[in-house]
């Protein structure tokens, strides 16, 4: 059985964390045959954030890769 890998990516607001993380995960999964999991923790606290969350959801659902998404905010 292959070992799992966990990579923690951090950065400022709107710094490109999600795009970087998704690209990195896709590259790793394509090389190793691994599955793609996404832990979404954003809170839709205003209209801008609701739109950003919606865009992230659409990006993951319309791409060539299949993501297993876990949406869990802390409120």
C-alpha atoms as a PDB file:
ATOM      1  CA  UNK A   1       0.000   0.000   0.000  1.00  0.00           C
ATOM      2  CA  UNK A   2       1.328   3.459  -0.924  1.00  0.00           C
ATOM      3  CA  UNK A   3       2.035   6.019   1.770  1.00  0.00           C
ATOM      4  CA  UNK A   4      -0.217   9.049   2.021  1.00  0.00           C
ATOM      5  CA  UNK A   5       1.129  12.550   1.694  1.00  0.00           C
ATOM      6  CA  UNK A   6      -0.138  15.663   3.403  1.00  0.00           C
ATOM      7  CA  UNK A   7       1.108  19.065   2.290  1.00  0.00           C
ATOM      8  CA  UNK A   8       0.128  22.178   4.238  1.00  0.00           C
ATOM      9  CA  UNK A   9      -0.036  25.402   2.197  1.00  0.00           C
ATOM     10  CA  UNK A  10      -0.447  28.734   3.899  1.00  0.00           C
ATOM     11  CA  UNK A  11      -0.418  32.352   2.807  1.00  0.00           C
ATOM     12  CA  UNK A  12      -2.255  35.647   2.876  1.00  0.00           C
ATOM     13  CA  UNK A  13      -5.760  36.382   1.657  1.00  0.00           C
ATOM     14  CA  UNK A  14      -6.052  36.166  -2.147  1.00  0.00           C
ATOM     15  CA  UNK A  15      -2.419  35.102  -2.488  1.00  0.00           C
ATOM     16  CA  UNK A  16      -3.121  32.210  -4.856  1.00  0.00           C
ATOM     17  CA  UNK A  17      -3.061  29.399  -2.267  1.00  0.00           C
ATOM     18  CA  UNK A  18      -5.979  27.520  -3.792  1.00  0.00           C
ATOM     19  CA  UNK A  19      -4.689  27.645  -7.368  1.00  0.00           C
ATOM     20  CA  UNK A  20      -1.205  26.605  -6.268  1.00  0.00           C
ATOM     21  CA  UNK A  21      -2.529  23.790  -4.086  1.00  0.00           C
ATOM     22  CA  UNK A  22      -4.886  22.451  -6.763  1.00  0.00           C
ATOM     23  CA  UNK A  23      -2.166  22.490  -9.424  1.00  0.00           C
ATOM     24  CA  UNK A  24       0.299  20.761  -7.095  1.00  0.00           C
ATOM     25  CA  UNK A  25      -2.248  18.116  -6.074  1.00  0.00           C
ATOM     26  CA  UNK A  26      -3.208  17.371  -9.675  1.00  0.00           C
ATOM     27  CA  UNK A  27       0.450  16.971 -10.671  1.00  0.00           C
ATOM     28  CA  UNK A  28       1.146  14.637  -7.746  1.00  0.00           C
ATOM     29  CA  UNK A  29      -2.006  12.569  -8.297  1.00  0.00           C
ATOM     30  CA  UNK A  30      -1.260  12.141 -11.993  1.00  0.00           C
ATOM     31  CA  UNK A  31       2.254  10.874 -11.197  1.00  0.00           C
ATOM     32  CA  UNK A  32       1.256   8.538  -8.379  1.00  0.00           C
ATOM     33  CA  UNK A  33      -2.294   7.514  -9.263  1.00  0.00           C
ATOM     34  CA  UNK A  34      -3.464   9.086  -6.017  1.00  0.00           C
ATOM     35  CA  UNK A  35      -6.908  10.443  -5.234  1.00  0.00           C
ATOM     36  CA  UNK A  36      -7.692  14.136  -4.961  1.00  0.00           C
ATOM     37  CA  UNK A  37      -9.261  15.382  -1.722  1.00  0.00           C
ATOM     38  CA  UNK A  38     -10.127  19.002  -0.942  1.00  0.00           C
ATOM     39  CA  UNK A  39     -10.788  20.399   2.509  1.00  0.00           C
ATOM     40  CA  UNK A  40     -12.727  23.646   2.055  1.00  0.00           C
ATOM     41  CA  UNK A  41     -12.902  25.758   5.202  1.00  0.00           C
ATOM     42  CA  UNK A  42     -14.045  29.163   3.919  1.00  0.00           C
ATOM     43  CA  UNK A  43     -17.020  30.863   5.545  1.00  0.00           C
ATOM     44  CA  UNK A  44     -19.504  32.659   3.303  1.00  0.00           C
ATOM     45  CA  UNK A  45     -19.684  35.692   5.577  1.00  0.00           C
ATOM     46  CA  UNK A  46     -20.461  38.266   2.867  1.00  0.00           C
ATOM     47  CA  UNK A  47     -21.439  38.430  -0.811  1.00  0.00           C
ATOM     48  CA  UNK A  48     -17.822  38.591  -2.031  1.00  0.00           C
ATOM     49  CA  UNK A  49     -16.873  35.464  -0.114  1.00  0.00           C
ATOM     50  CA  UNK A  50     -20.015  33.653  -1.330  1.00  0.00           C
ATOM     51  CA  UNK A  51     -18.952  34.375  -4.918  1.00  0.00           C
ATOM     52  CA  UNK A  52     -15.380  33.243  -4.270  1.00  0.00           C
ATOM     53  CA  UNK A  53     -16.596  29.973  -2.742  1.00  0.00           C
ATOM     54  CA  UNK A  54     -18.955  29.434  -5.672  1.00  0.00           C
ATOM     55  CA  UNK A  55     -16.096  29.994  -8.144  1.00  0.00           C
ATOM     56  CA  UNK A  56     -13.845  27.516  -6.314  1.00  0.00           C
ATOM     57  CA  UNK A  57     -16.648  24.913  -6.335  1.00  0.00           C
ATOM     58  CA  UNK A  58     -17.218  25.421 -10.064  1.00  0.00           C
ATOM     59  CA  UNK A  59     -13.505  25.235 -10.824  1.00  0.00           C
ATOM     60  CA  UNK A  60     -13.242  21.853  -9.094  1.00  0.00           C
ATOM     61  CA  UNK A  61     -16.407  20.448 -10.674  1.00  0.00           C
ATOM     62  CA  UNK A  62     -15.633  21.478 -14.273  1.00  0.00           C
ATOM     63  CA  UNK A  63     -11.978  20.441 -14.460  1.00  0.00           C
ATOM     64  CA  UNK A  64     -10.589  17.227 -15.888  1.00  0.00           C
ATOM     65  CA  UNK A  65      -9.915  15.834 -12.423  1.00  0.00           C
ATOM     66  CA  UNK A  66     -12.395  14.445  -9.936  1.00  0.00           C
ATOM     67  CA  UNK A  67     -12.133  15.885  -6.420  1.00  0.00           C
ATOM     68  CA  UNK A  68     -13.618  14.528  -3.217  1.00  0.00           C
ATOM     69  CA  UNK A  69     -14.509  17.752  -1.410  1.00  0.00           C
ATOM     70  CA  UNK A  70     -15.077  18.094   2.303  1.00  0.00           C
ATOM     71  CA  UNK A  71     -16.679  21.426   3.178  1.00  0.00           C
ATOM     72  CA  UNK A  72     -16.214  22.134   6.853  1.00  0.00           C
ATOM     73  CA  UNK A  73     -15.984  25.601   8.311  1.00  0.00           C
ATOM     74  CA  UNK A  74     -15.551  26.328  11.989  1.00  0.00           C
ATOM     75  CA  UNK A  75     -18.358  28.563  13.210  1.00  0.00           C
END
